[in-house]
Protein backbone atom coordinates (compact mmCIF):
# COMPACT_ATOMS: atom_id res chain seq x y z
CA MET A 1 6.41 61.64 20.45
CA PRO A 2 8.15 58.93 21.95
CA SER A 3 8.74 55.70 19.85
CA GLU A 4 7.64 52.53 21.00
CA PRO A 5 10.19 50.03 22.13
CA LYS A 6 11.08 47.51 19.75
CA ARG A 7 10.08 43.94 20.39
CA PRO A 8 11.94 40.85 19.14
CA ALA A 9 11.01 39.37 15.89
CA ALA A 10 8.49 36.56 16.46
CA GLY A 11 9.37 34.69 13.28
CA ARG A 12 6.67 33.76 10.82
CA GLY A 13 3.67 33.67 13.39
CA SER A 14 1.87 36.17 15.02
CA GLY A 15 2.58 34.84 18.58
CA PRO A 16 5.33 35.84 20.82
CA ALA A 17 8.86 34.69 20.20
CA LEU A 18 9.92 31.44 22.09
CA PRO A 19 13.34 30.89 23.43
CA GLY A 20 15.10 28.52 21.11
CA ARG A 21 15.18 25.60 23.41
CA ARG A 22 11.31 25.69 23.99
CA ALA A 23 10.40 26.59 20.55
CA TRP A 24 11.51 23.35 18.72
CA PRO A 25 9.47 20.83 20.66
CA LEU A 26 6.33 23.10 20.17
CA ARG A 27 6.93 23.26 16.47
CA ALA A 28 7.54 19.57 16.08
CA LEU A 29 4.16 19.02 17.73
CA MET A 30 2.59 21.49 15.47
CA CYS A 31 4.15 19.53 12.49
CA CYS A 32 2.94 16.21 13.96
CA ALA A 33 -0.60 17.68 14.51
CA ALA A 34 -0.63 18.97 10.98
CA VAL A 35 0.25 15.79 9.46
CA GLY A 36 -2.76 13.99 11.20
CA ILE A 37 -5.08 16.76 10.63
CA TRP A 38 -4.58 16.69 6.95
CA GLY A 39 -4.28 12.90 6.43
CA LEU A 40 -0.74 12.58 5.38
CA SER A 41 -0.10 9.73 7.91
CA PRO A 42 0.39 6.40 6.02
CA ALA A 43 -3.13 4.97 7.78
CA ALA A 44 -4.75 7.92 6.18
CA SER A 45 -3.31 7.61 2.75
CA ALA A 46 -4.67 3.94 2.76
CA GLY A 47 -8.16 4.83 3.17
CA GLY A 48 -8.44 3.93 6.92
CA LEU A 49 -8.07 0.25 6.08
CA LYS A 50 -8.84 -2.00 9.07
CA VAL A 51 -7.54 -5.52 9.45
CA GLY A 52 -10.44 -7.52 10.60
CA LYS A 53 -12.99 -5.55 8.66
CA PRO A 54 -14.67 -6.09 5.01
CA ALA A 55 -11.77 -5.40 2.41
CA PRO A 56 -12.70 -2.55 0.01
CA PRO A 57 -13.57 -4.00 -3.57
CA LEU A 58 -10.85 -3.36 -6.42
CA ALA A 59 -10.61 -4.56 -9.90
CA LEU A 60 -7.61 -5.28 -11.89
CA HIS A 61 -7.88 -4.50 -15.68
CA THR A 62 -5.13 -7.22 -16.96
CA LEU A 63 -2.82 -6.74 -19.77
CA ASP A 64 -4.88 -9.06 -21.91
CA GLY A 65 -8.07 -7.14 -21.46
CA GLN A 66 -9.93 -8.89 -18.70
CA THR A 67 -11.56 -7.39 -15.70
CA ILE A 68 -10.96 -9.40 -12.30
CA SER A 69 -12.59 -7.99 -9.24
CA THR A 70 -12.10 -8.90 -5.69
CA ASP A 71 -15.97 -9.32 -5.38
CA SER A 72 -15.87 -11.89 -7.90
CA LEU A 73 -13.18 -13.79 -5.93
CA ARG A 74 -15.23 -14.39 -2.81
CA GLY A 75 -14.39 -17.82 -1.28
CA LYS A 76 -10.67 -17.57 -2.33
CA VAL A 77 -7.76 -16.14 -0.48
CA VAL A 78 -6.68 -12.99 -2.39
CA ILE A 79 -3.38 -11.00 -2.48
CA LEU A 80 -3.28 -7.62 -4.03
CA THR A 81 0.16 -6.76 -4.80
CA PHE A 82 1.43 -3.49 -5.91
CA TRP A 83 4.75 -3.10 -7.69
CA ALA A 84 6.69 -1.33 -10.56
CA THR A 85 9.48 -2.22 -12.99
CA TRP A 86 11.69 0.22 -11.43
CA CYS A 87 11.37 -1.15 -7.83
CA VAL A 88 14.24 -3.24 -7.06
CA PRO A 89 12.57 -5.01 -3.89
CA CYS A 90 9.45 -5.78 -6.26
CA ARG A 91 11.45 -7.42 -8.78
CA GLU A 92 13.01 -9.37 -5.98
CA GLU A 93 9.70 -10.45 -4.35
CA LEU A 94 7.72 -11.28 -7.58
CA PRO A 95 9.45 -14.59 -8.59
CA LEU A 96 8.92 -15.79 -4.98
CA LEU A 97 5.14 -14.63 -4.81
CA SER A 98 4.63 -16.34 -8.27
CA ALA A 99 5.93 -19.52 -7.39
CA TYR A 100 4.10 -19.52 -3.98
CA ALA A 101 0.93 -18.60 -6.05
CA ALA A 102 1.30 -21.42 -8.52
CA ALA A 103 2.06 -23.97 -5.68
CA HIS A 104 -1.32 -23.04 -3.82
CA ALA A 105 -3.57 -22.00 -6.49
CA ARG A 106 -5.56 -25.51 -6.13
CA GLN A 107 -6.01 -24.44 -2.51
CA GLY A 108 -7.88 -21.33 -3.65
CA LEU A 109 -4.96 -18.66 -3.65
CA GLU A 110 -5.51 -15.79 -6.14
CA VAL A 111 -3.03 -12.97 -6.64
CA LEU A 112 -3.66 -9.85 -8.65
CA GLY A 113 -0.61 -7.65 -9.68
CA PHE A 114 -1.05 -4.09 -10.03
CA SER A 115 1.72 -2.47 -11.82
CA LEU A 116 2.32 1.29 -11.04
CA ASP A 117 4.28 1.73 -14.35
CA GLU A 118 3.39 4.49 -16.95
CA PRO A 119 1.60 3.20 -20.15
CA GLU A 120 5.24 3.90 -21.81
CA ASN A 121 6.69 1.31 -19.84
CA LEU A 122 4.27 -1.45 -20.98
CA PRO A 123 6.69 -3.55 -22.93
CA ALA A 124 8.80 -3.79 -19.53
CA VAL A 125 5.73 -4.52 -17.54
CA ARG A 126 4.84 -7.19 -20.12
CA LYS A 127 8.38 -8.94 -20.04
CA ILE A 128 8.02 -9.27 -16.05
CA ALA A 129 4.43 -10.35 -16.30
CA ALA A 130 5.24 -13.06 -18.77
CA ASN A 131 7.10 -14.97 -16.09
CA LEU A 132 4.47 -14.56 -13.38
CA SER A 133 1.83 -17.31 -12.52
CA PHE A 134 -0.78 -14.40 -11.74
CA PRO A 135 -2.61 -11.88 -13.73
CA VAL A 136 -0.97 -8.19 -14.10
CA GLY A 137 -2.39 -4.76 -15.10
CA LEU A 138 -1.45 -1.37 -15.06
CA LEU A 139 -3.09 0.48 -12.05
CA GLY A 140 -3.40 3.86 -14.05
CA SER A 141 -2.75 6.25 -11.40
CA ALA A 142 -1.11 6.07 -7.75
CA TRP A 143 -4.73 5.81 -6.24
CA ALA A 144 -6.08 2.38 -5.78
CA ASP A 145 -9.71 3.31 -4.77
CA ASP A 146 -10.30 2.86 -0.92
CA TYR A 147 -6.82 1.32 -0.60
CA GLY A 148 -5.56 5.11 -0.88
CA ARG A 149 -2.63 6.34 -2.61
CA ILE A 150 0.13 4.02 -3.29
CA TRP A 151 3.24 5.75 -2.20
CA ARG A 152 5.48 3.10 -1.21
CA LEU A 153 6.67 -0.22 -3.13
CA PRO A 154 6.04 -2.83 -2.76
CA VAL A 155 2.88 -3.03 -0.67
CA SER A 156 0.27 -5.68 -0.55
CA PHE A 157 -2.96 -6.33 0.84
CA THR A 158 -4.23 -9.97 1.78
CA ILE A 159 -8.09 -10.91 1.87
CA ASP A 160 -9.50 -14.26 3.46
CA ARG A 161 -12.17 -16.55 1.76
CA SER A 162 -14.99 -14.26 3.31
CA GLY A 163 -13.74 -10.80 2.00
CA VAL A 164 -12.00 -9.71 5.23
CA LEU A 165 -8.87 -7.84 5.09
CA VAL A 166 -6.34 -9.84 7.10
CA ASP A 167 -3.13 -8.08 6.37
CA ASN A 168 -2.29 -4.60 5.42
CA SER A 169 1.48 -4.43 4.54
CA TRP A 170 1.04 -0.56 5.06
CA ASP A 171 1.53 -1.57 8.66
CA ASP A 172 4.77 -3.45 8.13
CA ASP A 173 8.24 -2.09 8.50
CA ASP A 174 9.33 -4.39 5.81
CA PRO A 175 6.29 -5.01 3.54
CA ALA A 176 8.04 -7.31 0.93
CA TRP A 177 6.84 -10.85 0.72
CA THR A 178 9.43 -13.53 2.09
CA GLU A 179 8.99 -17.26 2.43
CA ALA A 180 8.60 -16.63 6.28
CA ARG A 181 5.93 -13.87 5.80
CA LEU A 182 3.87 -15.87 3.30
CA GLN A 183 3.86 -18.92 5.69
CA ARG A 184 3.00 -16.67 8.58
CA ILE A 185 0.27 -14.66 6.75
CA VAL A 186 -1.32 -16.60 3.87
CA THR A 187 -0.60 -20.39 4.43
CA PRO A 188 -2.89 -20.50 7.50
CA LEU A 189 -5.74 -19.12 5.42
CA LEU A 190 -5.60 -21.84 2.65
CA GLY A 191 -6.94 -24.66 4.77
CA PRO A 192 -10.01 -26.27 3.03
CA SER A 193 -12.85 -23.74 2.65
CA SER A 194 -15.97 -24.45 4.53
């Protein structure tokens, strides 16, 4: 009985082998599609947040035992900031954000600080929080309800007086707060409330 001719190995898939030059674009396209399908893109991990749409509710459980919900802050401009003691850019932006929040509190600005630190780092969180003008609490996990999995730091979300998301820093290449970024995003929202 004659043996069948041997075919070149097709690799891991069951399809035909592709020449090297033509195989990598197809593989790259398949990887990109898989990322989109399984929701691994930053937009998907942020719960599909949309600037210009109502911001999802979120509650901060503060270090001193209070609970502050974004719903209870309607009528104010709210910044939700996510940080950790081990995050160098976070430690650099927190004093700037704290000073800005203190300077604009009378104009209706509220900042809620969500630390991603583990409970065993609570003393370090308290030390940083003691120098901030806004309330801080431990997030408890990397998931922040409809804001998604917090996978990069710092990240923040800005909500206007009517509860609409006006800034989603998942979309920014450099999401850390700077004076210029605060002036561009937050200051225009702090005009007199109607």
